[in-house]
Amino acid sequence: MISLYWNFRVRLAWGLVLLAVVAFAVMAPGFLSVSNVHALVQSFAALGVLAVGLSLTMIAGEFDLSIAGVVPLTALITIAVGQSTSLVVGVVLGLLVALAFGLLNGWLTARFSIPALAVTVGTMVLTTGLGHAVAGGEVVTLTDFGIGLSLDAPVAGILSIHSIVELGLVVAAVFVMARTWTGLTIYSVGSDPARSAASGLSVSRAMVTVFVASALFAGVAGALQGISLAAATPGADLDTVLQAATAVIVGGVALSGGKGKVLGAIAGAALLSVVGNGLSLIGTPTAVVQLANAAILLVVVVTDGTLTRLVRRGAENAATTLVPAPAATTPQGGSS
């Protein structure tokens, strides 16, 4: 019954996406135009790749706050090195640094049994400091704007090289979590690390895997963002974490670990992207868009808590009903 509930959460999230698309198609002229759908897919891909990376750590029962520093740091390295040598070298070096932080997060969390939230606060501060060192406290710019324009240019109408790369990572994550032993291990570790270890599963390997994946996804998002904007700024991008976390929770991934699906996180990112895009089209101020995102999150969290309690209560009642009552026994040695 509980498994059916989490499948229902994914379907509900996608249902809300469809409802939002229909609503804004009616309210906002031009919402379904090719140019706007292209812009919508761009924002969805950028948020989706971060949400999916974060969802992997949450399914494993942890949380990666360091992506707030990894995204801008990777963008800074890509632009700074790319300006002096080549963008290919800049991207490769930026991604290697991102992967190094993912490896560090996973290793520290698993090796010393430290909550990942504490570990990733430290690495977020470290990445922020490194970003200021790379940039010298200044905005780093790329003089060649043509590369970014080519990266974001429409492909087949609504896609771009930028969005294709990020959506490719999203599809890969869905496949790994749904169809491979690695995905099954991550779910098991998130549900019960002690039992997983007793069963012979490598908890350490699962932790390193999810944090490396989260860092890689954040690194790719940061590198592409830097090239698209032809600029990068040092500092922690906490808005990125908040948006990604909101998308993951709206999509039904539980903070407690072991529950939820990557497809749900993708639906959450799609919902926030559609709502943000649609509200902007009808002239809604940015502050109101943020309030709308907060309202969506609060409604989902409250509803989810209520439904989860009802589902658990129903499962417990069903289990009690299925357990037979103890059979009556005849006392031994009694007289007839």
C-alpha atoms as a PDB file:
ATOM      1  CA  MET A   1       0.000   0.000   0.000  1.00  0.00           C
ATOM      2  CA  ILE A   2       2.809   2.412   0.878  1.00  0.00           C
ATOM      3  CA  SER A   3       4.557   1.672  -2.435  1.00  0.00           C
ATOM      4  CA  LEU A   4       1.319   2.443  -4.281  1.00  0.00           C
ATOM      5  CA  TYR A   5       1.109   5.758  -2.449  1.00  0.00           C
ATOM      6  CA  TRP A   6       4.523   6.902  -3.700  1.00  0.00           C
ATOM      7  CA  ASN A   7       3.557   5.946  -7.247  1.00  0.00           C
ATOM      8  CA  PHE A   8       0.402   8.013  -6.743  1.00  0.00           C
ATOM      9  CA  ARG A   9       2.536  10.986  -5.618  1.00  0.00           C
ATOM     10  CA  VAL A  10       4.459  10.914  -8.896  1.00  0.00           C
ATOM     11  CA  ARG A  11       1.240  10.773 -10.919  1.00  0.00           C
ATOM     12  CA  LEU A  12      -0.217  13.598  -8.833  1.00  0.00           C
ATOM     13  CA  ALA A  13       2.827  15.794  -9.478  1.00  0.00           C
ATOM     14  CA  TRP A  14       2.590  15.236 -13.235  1.00  0.00           C
ATOM     15  CA  GLY A  15      -1.137  15.881 -13.059  1.00  0.00           C
ATOM     16  CA  LEU A  16      -0.424  19.258 -11.473  1.00  0.00           C
ATOM     17  CA  VAL A  17       2.053  20.018 -14.261  1.00  0.00           C
ATOM     18  CA  LEU A  18      -0.608  19.274 -16.879  1.00  0.00           C
ATOM     19  CA  LEU A  19      -3.149  21.386 -15.006  1.00  0.00           C
ATOM     20  CA  ALA A  20      -0.709  24.319 -14.829  1.00  0.00           C
ATOM     21  CA  VAL A  21       0.067  24.054 -18.554  1.00  0.00           C
ATOM     22  CA  VAL A  22      -3.635  24.126 -19.446  1.00  0.00           C
ATOM     23  CA  ALA A  23      -4.301  27.036 -17.075  1.00  0.00           C
ATOM     24  CA  PHE A  24      -1.493  29.223 -18.440  1.00  0.00           C
ATOM     25  CA  ALA A  25      -2.309  28.293 -22.029  1.00  0.00           C
ATOM     26  CA  VAL A  26      -5.688  29.918 -21.375  1.00  0.00           C
ATOM     27  CA  MET A  27      -4.523  32.850 -19.238  1.00  0.00           C
ATOM     28  CA  ALA A  28      -1.230  33.829 -20.890  1.00  0.00           C
ATOM     29  CA  PRO A  29      -1.208  34.665 -24.609  1.00  0.00           C
ATOM     30  CA  GLY A  30       1.889  33.229 -26.234  1.00  0.00           C
ATOM     31  CA  PHE A  31       2.482  30.626 -23.526  1.00  0.00           C
ATOM     32  CA  LEU A  32       2.471  27.800 -26.094  1.00  0.00           C
ATOM     33  CA  SER A  33       4.433  29.731 -28.716  1.00  0.00           C
ATOM     34  CA  VAL A  34       7.607  28.037 -29.945  1.00  0.00           C
ATOM     35  CA  SER A  35       9.848  30.761 -28.539  1.00  0.00           C
ATOM     36  CA  ASN A  36       8.275  30.602 -25.089  1.00  0.00           C
ATOM     37  CA  VAL A  37       8.274  26.800 -24.959  1.00  0.00           C
ATOM     38  CA  HIS A  38      11.972  26.953 -25.901  1.00  0.00           C
ATOM     39  CA  ALA A  39      12.608  29.309 -22.974  1.00  0.00           C
ATOM     40  CA  LEU A  40      10.513  27.103 -20.695  1.00  0.00           C
ATOM     41  CA  VAL A  41      12.477  23.977 -21.634  1.00  0.00           C
ATOM     42  CA  GLN A  42      15.730  25.858 -21.000  1.00  0.00           C
ATOM     43  CA  SER A  43      14.720  26.793 -17.452  1.00  0.00           C
ATOM     44  CA  PHE A  44      13.222  23.348 -16.798  1.00  0.00           C
ATOM     45  CA  ALA A  45      16.382  21.545 -17.917  1.00  0.00           C
ATOM     46  CA  ALA A  46      18.594  23.737 -15.711  1.00  0.00           C
ATOM     47  CA  LEU A  47      16.400  23.228 -12.636  1.00  0.00           C
ATOM     48  CA  GLY A  48      15.670  19.597 -13.457  1.00  0.00           C
ATOM     49  CA  VAL A  49      19.291  18.490 -13.577  1.00  0.00           C
ATOM     50  CA  LEU A  50      19.942  20.058 -10.156  1.00  0.00           C
ATOM     51  CA  ALA A  51      16.743  18.632  -8.662  1.00  0.00           C
ATOM     52  CA  VAL A  52      17.535  15.138  -9.919  1.00  0.00           C
ATOM     53  CA  GLY A  53      21.067  15.273  -8.522  1.00  0.00           C
ATOM     54  CA  LEU A  54      19.733  16.435  -5.161  1.00  0.00           C
ATOM     55  CA  SER A  55      16.991  13.785  -5.209  1.00  0.00           C
ATOM     56  CA  LEU A  56      19.614  11.032  -5.384  1.00  0.00           C
ATOM     57  CA  THR A  57      21.171  12.181  -2.108  1.00  0.00           C
ATOM     58  CA  MET A  58      17.733  12.542  -0.497  1.00  0.00           C
ATOM     59  CA  ILE A  59      16.683   9.038  -1.567  1.00  0.00           C
ATOM     60  CA  ALA A  60      19.893   7.845   0.094  1.00  0.00           C
ATOM     61  CA  GLY A  61      18.749   9.610   3.275  1.00  0.00           C
ATOM     62  CA  GLU A  62      21.081  12.624   3.070  1.00  0.00           C
ATOM     63  CA  PHE A  63      21.099  16.189   1.700  1.00  0.00           C
ATOM     64  CA  ASP A  64      23.678  17.975  -0.451  1.00  0.00           C
ATOM     65  CA  LEU A  65      23.891  21.651   0.440  1.00  0.00           C
ATOM     66  CA  SER A  66      27.258  22.045  -1.293  1.00  0.00           C
ATOM     67  CA  ILE A  67      25.674  22.413  -4.741  1.00  0.00           C
ATOM     68  CA  ALA A  68      25.077  26.053  -3.761  1.00  0.00           C
ATOM     69  CA  GLY A  69      28.844  26.504  -4.000  1.00  0.00           C
ATOM     70  CA  VAL A  70      29.659  23.938  -6.691  1.00  0.00           C
ATOM     71  CA  VAL A  71      27.467  25.606  -9.344  1.00  0.00           C
ATOM     72  CA  PRO A  72      29.114  29.067  -9.207  1.00  0.00           C
ATOM     73  CA  LEU A  73      32.609  27.618  -8.634  1.00  0.00           C
ATOM     74  CA  THR A  74      32.376  25.428 -11.733  1.00  0.00           C
ATOM     75  CA  ALA A  75      31.108  28.404 -13.743  1.00  0.00           C
ATOM     76  CA  LEU A  76      34.020  30.546 -12.510  1.00  0.00           C
ATOM     77  CA  ILE A  77      36.658  27.925 -13.340  1.00  0.00           C
ATOM     78  CA  THR A  78      35.109  27.297 -16.755  1.00  0.00           C
ATOM     79  CA  ILE A  79      35.106  30.994 -17.658  1.00  0.00           C
ATOM     80  CA  ALA A  80      38.461  31.927 -16.065  1.00  0.00           C
ATOM     81  CA  VAL A  81      40.391  29.000 -17.547  1.00  0.00           C
ATOM     82  CA  GLY A  82      38.426  29.137 -20.795  1.00  0.00           C
ATOM     83  CA  GLN A  83      39.296  32.794 -21.286  1.00  0.00           C
ATOM     84  CA  SER A  84      43.026  32.162 -20.861  1.00  0.00           C
ATOM     85  CA  THR A  85      43.302  28.790 -22.631  1.00  0.00           C
ATOM     86  CA  SER A  86      40.217  27.118 -24.138  1.00  0.00           C
ATOM     87  CA  LEU A  87      36.672  26.466 -23.006  1.00  0.00           C
ATOM     88  CA  VAL A  88      37.163  22.714 -23.354  1.00  0.00           C
ATOM     89  CA  VAL A  89      39.981  22.821 -20.810  1.00  0.00           C
ATOM     90  CA  GLY A  90      37.907  25.104 -18.596  1.00  0.00           C
ATOM     91  CA  VAL A  91      34.900  22.776 -18.651  1.00  0.00           C
ATOM     92  CA  VAL A  92      37.007  19.672 -17.977  1.00  0.00           C
ATOM     93  CA  LEU A  93      38.863  21.313 -15.088  1.00  0.00           C
ATOM     94  CA  GLY A  94      35.645  22.707 -13.620  1.00  0.00           C
ATOM     95  CA  LEU A  95      33.959  19.302 -13.717  1.00  0.00           C
ATOM     96  CA  LEU A  96      36.998  17.605 -12.174  1.00  0.00           C
ATOM     97  CA  VAL A  97      36.871  20.060  -9.264  1.00  0.00           C
ATOM     98  CA  ALA A  98      33.119  19.435  -8.877  1.00  0.00           C
ATOM     99  CA  LEU A  99      33.676  15.665  -8.855  1.00  0.00           C
ATOM    100  CA  ALA A 100      36.435  16.062  -6.263  1.00  0.00           C
ATOM    101  CA  PHE A 101      34.017  17.822  -3.923  1.00  0.00           C
ATOM    102  CA  GLY A 102      31.382  15.157  -4.531  1.00  0.00           C
ATOM    103  CA  LEU A 103      33.902  12.464  -3.680  1.00  0.00           C
ATOM    104  CA  LEU A 104      34.917  14.361  -0.541  1.00  0.00           C
ATOM    105  CA  ASN A 105      31.300  14.766   0.578  1.00  0.00           C
ATOM    106  CA  GLY A 106      30.518  11.095   0.087  1.00  0.00           C
ATOM    107  CA  TRP A 107      33.704   9.831   1.695  1.00  0.00           C
ATOM    108  CA  LEU A 108      33.449  12.030   4.800  1.00  0.00           C
ATOM    109  CA  THR A 109      29.763  11.176   5.269  1.00  0.00           C
ATOM    110  CA  ALA A 110      30.323   7.422   4.960  1.00  0.00           C
ATOM    111  CA  ARG A 111      33.736   7.086   6.613  1.00  0.00           C
ATOM    112  CA  PHE A 112      33.002   9.084   9.759  1.00  0.00           C
ATOM    113  CA  SER A 113      29.195   8.625   9.926  1.00  0.00           C
ATOM    114  CA  ILE A 114      28.693  12.398   9.914  1.00  0.00           C
ATOM    115  CA  PRO A 115      25.335  13.787   8.771  1.00  0.00           C
ATOM    116  CA  ALA A 116      25.808  15.006   5.219  1.00  0.00           C
ATOM    117  CA  LEU A 117      24.109  18.309   6.004  1.00  0.00           C
ATOM    118  CA  ALA A 118      27.008  19.198   8.321  1.00  0.00           C
ATOM    119  CA  VAL A 119      29.610  17.970   5.838  1.00  0.00           C
ATOM    120  CA  THR A 120      28.126  19.850   2.897  1.00  0.00           C
ATOM    121  CA  VAL A 121      27.814  23.081   4.880  1.00  0.00           C
ATOM    122  CA  GLY A 122      31.587  22.889   5.271  1.00  0.00           C
ATOM    123  CA  THR A 123      32.236  22.124   1.612  1.00  0.00           C
ATOM    124  CA  MET A 124      29.808  24.867   0.575  1.00  0.00           C
ATOM    125  CA  VAL A 125      31.885  27.375   2.541  1.00  0.00           C
ATOM    126  CA  LEU A 126      35.059  25.902   1.018  1.00  0.00           C
ATOM    127  CA  THR A 127      33.753  26.125  -2.557  1.00  0.00           C
ATOM    128  CA  THR A 128      32.604  29.693  -1.929  1.00  0.00           C
ATOM    129  CA  GLY A 129      36.059  30.647  -0.680  1.00  0.00           C
ATOM    130  CA  LEU A 130      37.716  28.993  -3.660  1.00  0.00           C
ATOM    131  CA  GLY A 131      35.351  30.869  -5.955  1.00  0.00           C
ATOM    132  CA  HIS A 132      36.433  34.199  -4.497  1.00  0.00           C
ATOM    133  CA  ALA A 133      40.076  33.129  -4.878  1.00  0.00           C
ATOM    134  CA  VAL A 134      39.577  32.206  -8.540  1.00  0.00           C
ATOM    135  CA  ALA A 135      37.692  35.400  -9.329  1.00  0.00           C
ATOM    136  CA  GLY A 136      39.701  37.729  -7.107  1.00  0.00           C
ATOM    137  CA  GLY A 137      36.413  39.057  -5.779  1.00  0.00           C
ATOM    138  CA  GLU A 138      35.363  40.238  -9.228  1.00  0.00           C
ATOM    139  CA  VAL A 139      32.893  39.117 -11.876  1.00  0.00           C
ATOM    140  CA  VAL A 140      34.684  36.906 -14.417  1.00  0.00           C
ATOM    141  CA  THR A 141      33.603  37.438 -18.019  1.00  0.00           C
ATOM    142  CA  LEU A 142      34.047  35.698 -21.357  1.00  0.00           C
ATOM    143  CA  THR A 143      34.738  37.968 -24.315  1.00  0.00           C
ATOM    144  CA  ASP A 144      33.381  35.510 -26.913  1.00  0.00           C
ATOM    145  CA  PHE A 145      29.577  35.680 -26.654  1.00  0.00           C
ATOM    146  CA  GLY A 146      29.061  33.575 -29.757  1.00  0.00           C
ATOM    147  CA  ILE A 147      29.710  30.262 -27.992  1.00  0.00           C
ATOM    148  CA  GLY A 148      26.972  30.908 -25.464  1.00  0.00           C
ATOM    149  CA  LEU A 149      24.552  31.982 -28.163  1.00  0.00           C
ATOM    150  CA  SER A 150      25.268  28.793 -30.104  1.00  0.00           C
ATOM    151  CA  LEU A 151      24.795  26.725 -26.953  1.00  0.00           C
ATOM    152  CA  ASP A 152      21.322  28.178 -26.391  1.00  0.00           C
ATOM    153  CA  ALA A 153      20.226  28.408 -30.032  1.00  0.00           C
ATOM    154  CA  PRO A 154      17.017  26.474 -30.824  1.00  0.00           C
ATOM    155  CA  VAL A 155      17.416  22.908 -32.055  1.00  0.00           C
ATOM    156  CA  ALA A 156      14.275  21.308 -33.503  1.00  0.00           C
ATOM    157  CA  GLY A 157      12.335  24.360 -32.356  1.00  0.00           C
ATOM    158  CA  ILE A 158      12.213  23.991 -28.578  1.00  0.00           C
ATOM    159  CA  LEU A 159      15.482  22.280 -27.604  1.00  0.00           C
ATOM    160  CA  SER A 160      19.084  23.504 -27.541  1.00  0.00           C
ATOM    161  CA  ILE A 161      22.497  21.940 -27.008  1.00  0.00           C
ATOM    162  CA  HIS A 162      22.321  23.349 -23.477  1.00  0.00           C
ATOM    163  CA  SER A 163      19.019  21.666 -22.629  1.00  0.00           C
ATOM    164  CA  ILE A 164      19.843  18.431 -24.493  1.00  0.00           C
ATOM    165  CA  VAL A 165      22.960  17.876 -22.362  1.00  0.00           C
ATOM    166  CA  GLU A 166      21.102  18.492 -19.103  1.00  0.00           C
ATOM    167  CA  LEU A 167      18.058  16.450 -20.090  1.00  0.00           C
ATOM    168  CA  GLY A 168      20.401  13.628 -21.137  1.00  0.00           C
ATOM    169  CA  LEU A 169      21.759  13.481 -17.582  1.00  0.00           C
ATOM    170  CA  VAL A 170      18.201  13.463 -16.232  1.00  0.00           C
ATOM    171  CA  VAL A 171      17.229  10.510 -18.438  1.00  0.00           C
ATOM    172  CA  ALA A 172      20.380   8.626 -17.394  1.00  0.00           C
ATOM    173  CA  ALA A 173      19.514   9.112 -13.706  1.00  0.00           C
ATOM    174  CA  VAL A 174      15.965   7.826 -14.249  1.00  0.00           C
ATOM    175  CA  PHE A 175      17.333   4.684 -15.921  1.00  0.00           C
ATOM    176  CA  VAL A 176      19.958   4.018 -13.241  1.00  0.00           C
ATOM    177  CA  MET A 177      17.504   4.403 -10.352  1.00  0.00           C
ATOM    178  CA  ALA A 178      14.746   2.343 -11.971  1.00  0.00           C
ATOM    179  CA  ARG A 179      16.658  -0.375 -13.806  1.00  0.00           C
ATOM    180  CA  THR A 180      20.015  -1.068 -12.154  1.00  0.00           C
ATOM    181  CA  TRP A 181      21.412  -2.695  -9.039  1.00  0.00           C
ATOM    182  CA  THR A 182      23.001   0.653  -8.123  1.00  0.00           C
ATOM    183  CA  GLY A 183      19.567   2.269  -7.915  1.00  0.00           C
ATOM    184  CA  LEU A 184      18.200  -0.572  -5.800  1.00  0.00           C
ATOM    185  CA  THR A 185      21.168  -0.258  -3.444  1.00  0.00           C
ATOM    186  CA  ILE A 186      20.639   3.488  -3.039  1.00  0.00           C
ATOM    187  CA  TYR A 187      16.983   2.932  -2.117  1.00  0.00           C
ATOM    188  CA  SER A 188      17.947   0.199   0.347  1.00  0.00           C
ATOM    189  CA  VAL A 189      20.614   2.334   2.019  1.00  0.00           C
ATOM    190  CA  GLY A 190      18.184   5.233   2.315  1.00  0.00           C
ATOM    191  CA  SER A 191      15.549   3.019   3.908  1.00  0.00           C
ATOM    192  CA  ASP A 192      17.785   1.261   6.458  1.00  0.00           C
ATOM    193  CA  PRO A 193      21.593   1.665   6.305  1.00  0.00           C
ATOM    194  CA  ALA A 194      22.249  -0.855   9.094  1.00  0.00           C
ATOM    195  CA  ARG A 195      20.156  -3.591   7.491  1.00  0.00           C
ATOM    196  CA  SER A 196      21.699  -2.834   4.097  1.00  0.00           C
ATOM    197  CA  ALA A 197      25.201  -3.228   5.532  1.00  0.00           C
ATOM    198  CA  ALA A 198      24.170  -6.484   7.247  1.00  0.00           C
ATOM    199  CA  SER A 199      22.883  -7.736   3.896  1.00  0.00           C
ATOM    200  CA  GLY A 200      26.277  -7.181   2.304  1.00  0.00           C
ATOM    201  CA  LEU A 201      25.476  -3.951   0.472  1.00  0.00           C
ATOM    202  CA  SER A 202      28.186  -1.286   0.422  1.00  0.00           C
ATOM    203  CA  VAL A 203      26.777   1.756   2.202  1.00  0.00           C
ATOM    204  CA  SER A 204      29.997   3.689   1.607  1.00  0.00           C
ATOM    205  CA  ARG A 205      29.902   3.052  -2.128  1.00  0.00           C
ATOM    206  CA  ALA A 206      26.261   4.139  -2.325  1.00  0.00           C
ATOM    207  CA  MET A 207      27.022   7.379  -0.464  1.00  0.00           C
ATOM    208  CA  VAL A 208      29.992   8.206  -2.643  1.00  0.00           C
ATOM    209  CA  THR A 209      27.945   7.427  -5.763  1.00  0.00           C
ATOM    210  CA  VAL A 210      25.062   9.768  -4.929  1.00  0.00           C
ATOM    211  CA  PHE A 211      27.284  12.664  -3.887  1.00  0.00           C
ATOM    212  CA  VAL A 212      29.535  12.316  -6.928  1.00  0.00           C
ATOM    213  CA  ALA A 213      26.428  12.261  -9.141  1.00  0.00           C
ATOM    214  CA  SER A 214      24.984  15.308  -7.379  1.00  0.00           C
ATOM    215  CA  ALA A 215      28.263  17.201  -7.787  1.00  0.00           C
ATOM    216  CA  LEU A 216      28.557  16.172 -11.450  1.00  0.00           C
ATOM    217  CA  PHE A 217      25.028  17.370 -12.217  1.00  0.00           C
ATOM    218  CA  ALA A 218      25.673  20.659 -10.385  1.00  0.00           C
ATOM    219  CA  GLY A 219      28.996  21.041 -12.176  1.00  0.00           C
ATOM    220  CA  VAL A 220      27.457  20.538 -15.606  1.00  0.00           C
ATOM    221  CA  ALA A 221      24.706  23.039 -14.754  1.00  0.00           C
ATOM    222  CA  GLY A 222      27.293  25.558 -13.564  1.00  0.00           C
ATOM    223  CA  ALA A 223      29.583  25.181 -16.570  1.00  0.00           C
ATOM    224  CA  LEU A 224      26.724  25.537 -19.052  1.00  0.00           C
ATOM    225  CA  GLN A 225      25.286  28.480 -17.139  1.00  0.00           C
ATOM    226  CA  GLY A 226      28.637  30.260 -17.163  1.00  0.00           C
ATOM    227  CA  ILE A 227      29.104  29.778 -20.914  1.00  0.00           C
ATOM    228  CA  SER A 228      25.519  30.845 -21.659  1.00  0.00           C
ATOM    229  CA  LEU A 229      25.843  34.047 -19.640  1.00  0.00           C
ATOM    230  CA  ALA A 230      29.496  34.584 -20.640  1.00  0.00           C
ATOM    231  CA  ALA A 231      30.029  35.559 -17.013  1.00  0.00           C
ATOM    232  CA  ALA A 232      30.286  34.088 -13.517  1.00  0.00           C
ATOM    233  CA  THR A 233      30.102  35.595 -10.041  1.00  0.00           C
ATOM    234  CA  PRO A 234      31.732  34.276  -6.846  1.00  0.00           C
ATOM    235  CA  GLY A 235      29.532  33.418  -3.869  1.00  0.00           C
ATOM    236  CA  ALA A 236      27.058  30.774  -2.740  1.00  0.00           C
ATOM    237  CA  ASP A 237      23.953  30.441  -4.896  1.00  0.00           C
ATOM    238  CA  LEU A 238      21.478  29.495  -2.156  1.00  0.00           C
ATOM    239  CA  ASP A 239      18.517  30.234  -4.416  1.00  0.00           C
ATOM    240  CA  THR A 240      19.630  27.275  -6.510  1.00  0.00           C
ATOM    241  CA  VAL A 241      19.433  24.902  -3.544  1.00  0.00           C
ATOM    242  CA  LEU A 242      16.070  26.251  -2.428  1.00  0.00           C
ATOM    243  CA  GLN A 243      14.554  25.871  -5.900  1.00  0.00           C
ATOM    244  CA  ALA A 244      15.963  22.382  -6.353  1.00  0.00           C
ATOM    245  CA  ALA A 245      14.887  21.247  -2.876  1.00  0.00           C
ATOM    246  CA  THR A 246      11.395  22.644  -3.437  1.00  0.00           C
ATOM    247  CA  ALA A 247      11.118  20.747  -6.718  1.00  0.00           C
ATOM    248  CA  VAL A 248      12.267  17.482  -5.131  1.00  0.00           C
ATOM    249  CA  ILE A 249       9.875  17.735  -2.177  1.00  0.00           C
ATOM    250  CA  VAL A 250       6.958  18.771  -4.398  1.00  0.00           C
ATOM    251  CA  GLY A 251       7.758  15.709  -6.525  1.00  0.00           C
ATOM    252  CA  GLY A 252       7.287  13.414  -3.543  1.00  0.00           C
ATOM    253  CA  VAL A 253      10.843  12.479  -2.535  1.00  0.00           C
ATOM    254  CA  ALA A 254      10.903  12.001   1.231  1.00  0.00           C
ATOM    255  CA  LEU A 255      13.479  13.751   3.406  1.00  0.00           C
ATOM    256  CA  SER A 256      13.677  10.597   5.532  1.00  0.00           C
ATOM    257  CA  GLY A 257      15.244   8.627   2.664  1.00  0.00           C
ATOM    258  CA  GLY A 258      14.375   5.488   0.733  1.00  0.00           C
ATOM    259  CA  LYS A 259      11.092   6.846  -0.640  1.00  0.00           C
ATOM    260  CA  GLY A 260      10.089   8.718  -3.757  1.00  0.00           C
ATOM    261  CA  LYS A 261      11.124   8.576  -7.391  1.00  0.00           C
ATOM    262  CA  VAL A 262      13.401  10.574  -9.659  1.00  0.00           C
ATOM    263  CA  LEU A 263      10.436  11.025 -12.010  1.00  0.00           C
ATOM    264  CA  GLY A 264       8.704  12.860  -9.175  1.00  0.00           C
ATOM    265  CA  ALA A 265      11.625  15.257  -8.776  1.00  0.00           C
ATOM    266  CA  ILE A 266      11.480  15.920 -12.524  1.00  0.00           C
ATOM    267  CA  ALA A 267       7.756  16.644 -12.231  1.00  0.00           C
ATOM    268  CA  GLY A 268       8.427  19.060  -9.378  1.00  0.00           C
ATOM    269  CA  ALA A 269      10.996  20.910 -11.485  1.00  0.00           C
ATOM    270  CA  ALA A 270       8.556  21.008 -14.397  1.00  0.00           C
ATOM    271  CA  LEU A 271       5.785  22.391 -12.186  1.00  0.00           C
ATOM    272  CA  LEU A 272       7.943  25.187 -10.755  1.00  0.00           C
ATOM    273  CA  SER A 273       9.244  26.043 -14.237  1.00  0.00           C
ATOM    274  CA  VAL A 274       5.747  26.199 -15.743  1.00  0.00           C
ATOM    275  CA  VAL A 275       4.375  28.283 -12.863  1.00  0.00           C
ATOM    276  CA  GLY A 276       7.331  30.681 -12.949  1.00  0.00           C
ATOM    277  CA  ASN A 277       7.198  31.058 -16.711  1.00  0.00           C
ATOM    278  CA  GLY A 278       3.427  31.481 -16.845  1.00  0.00           C
ATOM    279  CA  LEU A 279       3.261  34.016 -14.025  1.00  0.00           C
ATOM    280  CA  SER A 280       6.063  36.040 -15.626  1.00  0.00           C
ATOM    281  CA  LEU A 281       4.189  36.092 -18.941  1.00  0.00           C
ATOM    282  CA  ILE A 282       1.120  37.633 -17.337  1.00  0.00           C
ATOM    283  CA  GLY A 283       3.261  40.321 -15.683  1.00  0.00           C
ATOM    284  CA  THR A 284       3.495  38.934 -12.147  1.00  0.00           C
ATOM    285  CA  PRO A 285       6.310  40.472 -10.027  1.00  0.00           C
ATOM    286  CA  THR A 286       9.215  38.218  -9.086  1.00  0.00           C
ATOM    287  CA  ALA A 287       8.316  38.399  -5.401  1.00  0.00           C
ATOM    288  CA  VAL A 288       4.843  37.034  -6.135  1.00  0.00           C
ATOM    289  CA  VAL A 289       6.357  34.184  -8.185  1.00  0.00           C
ATOM    290  CA  GLN A 290       8.507  33.248  -5.186  1.00  0.00           C
ATOM    291  CA  LEU A 291       5.464  33.415  -2.916  1.00  0.00           C
ATOM    292  CA  ALA A 292       3.619  31.102  -5.324  1.00  0.00           C
ATOM    293  CA  ASN A 293       6.473  28.585  -5.150  1.00  0.00           C
ATOM    294  CA  ALA A 294       6.415  28.767  -1.360  1.00  0.00           C
ATOM    295  CA  ALA A 295       2.644  28.257  -1.322  1.00  0.00           C
ATOM    296  CA  ILE A 296       2.944  25.202  -3.586  1.00  0.00           C
ATOM    297  CA  LEU A 297       5.584  23.715  -1.294  1.00  0.00           C
ATOM    298  CA  LEU A 298       3.593  24.316   1.898  1.00  0.00           C
ATOM    299  CA  VAL A 299       0.383  22.893   0.452  1.00  0.00           C
ATOM    300  CA  VAL A 300       2.202  19.798  -0.798  1.00  0.00           C
ATOM    301  CA  VAL A 301       4.057  19.258   2.488  1.00  0.00           C
ATOM    302  CA  VAL A 302       0.896  19.565   4.614  1.00  0.00           C
ATOM    303  CA  THR A 303      -1.124  17.360   2.263  1.00  0.00           C
ATOM    304  CA  ASP A 304       1.679  14.820   2.029  1.00  0.00           C
ATOM    305  CA  GLY A 305       1.987  14.587   5.811  1.00  0.00           C
ATOM    306  CA  THR A 306      -1.747  13.989   6.201  1.00  0.00           C
ATOM    307  CA  LEU A 307      -1.939  11.402   3.424  1.00  0.00           C
ATOM    308  CA  THR A 308       1.180   9.589   4.662  1.00  0.00           C
ATOM    309  CA  ARG A 309      -0.322   9.170   8.133  1.00  0.00           C
ATOM    310  CA  LEU A 310      -3.561   7.853   6.632  1.00  0.00           C
ATOM    311  CA  VAL A 311      -1.701   5.386   4.406  1.00  0.00           C
ATOM    312  CA  ARG A 312       0.426   4.108   7.290  1.00  0.00           C
ATOM    313  CA  ARG A 313      -2.629   3.739   9.485  1.00  0.00           C
ATOM    314  CA  GLY A 314      -4.403   1.806   6.745  1.00  0.00           C
ATOM    315  CA  ALA A 315      -1.377  -0.446   6.249  1.00  0.00           C
ATOM    316  CA  GLU A 316      -1.171  -1.149   9.984  1.00  0.00           C
ATOM    317  CA  ASN A 317      -4.885  -1.967  10.163  1.00  0.00           C
ATOM    318  CA  ALA A 318      -4.589  -4.284   7.164  1.00  0.00           C
ATOM    319  CA  ALA A 319      -1.630  -6.068   8.727  1.00  0.00           C
ATOM    320  CA  THR A 320      -3.532  -6.517  11.995  1.00  0.00           C
ATOM    321  CA  THR A 321      -6.501  -7.960  10.134  1.00  0.00           C
ATOM    322  CA  LEU A 322      -4.352 -10.453   8.238  1.00  0.00           C
ATOM    323  CA  VAL A 323      -2.643 -11.806  11.375  1.00  0.00           C
ATOM    324  CA  PRO A 324      -4.797 -14.701  12.740  1.00  0.00           C
ATOM    325  CA  ALA A 325      -5.818 -14.664  16.365  1.00  0.00           C
ATOM    326  CA  PRO A 326      -4.015 -17.185  18.624  1.00  0.00           C
ATOM    327  CA  ALA A 327      -5.782 -20.577  18.630  1.00  0.00           C
ATOM    328  CA  ALA A 328      -7.451 -21.613  21.878  1.00  0.00           C
ATOM    329  CA  THR A 329      -5.684 -24.454  23.656  1.00  0.00           C
ATOM    330  CA  THR A 330      -7.142 -27.166  25.892  1.00  0.00           C
ATOM    331  CA  PRO A 331      -5.487 -27.378  29.336  1.00  0.00           C
ATOM    332  CA  GLN A 332      -3.429 -30.539  29.725  1.00  0.00           C
ATOM    333  CA  GLY A 333      -4.211 -32.965  32.518  1.00  0.00           C
ATOM    334  CA  GLY A 334      -7.761 -31.721  33.145  1.00  0.00           C
ATOM    335  CA  SER A 335     -10.673 -34.075  33.980  1.00  0.00           C
ATOM    336  CA  SER A 336     -13.501 -34.618  31.490  1.00  0.00           C
END
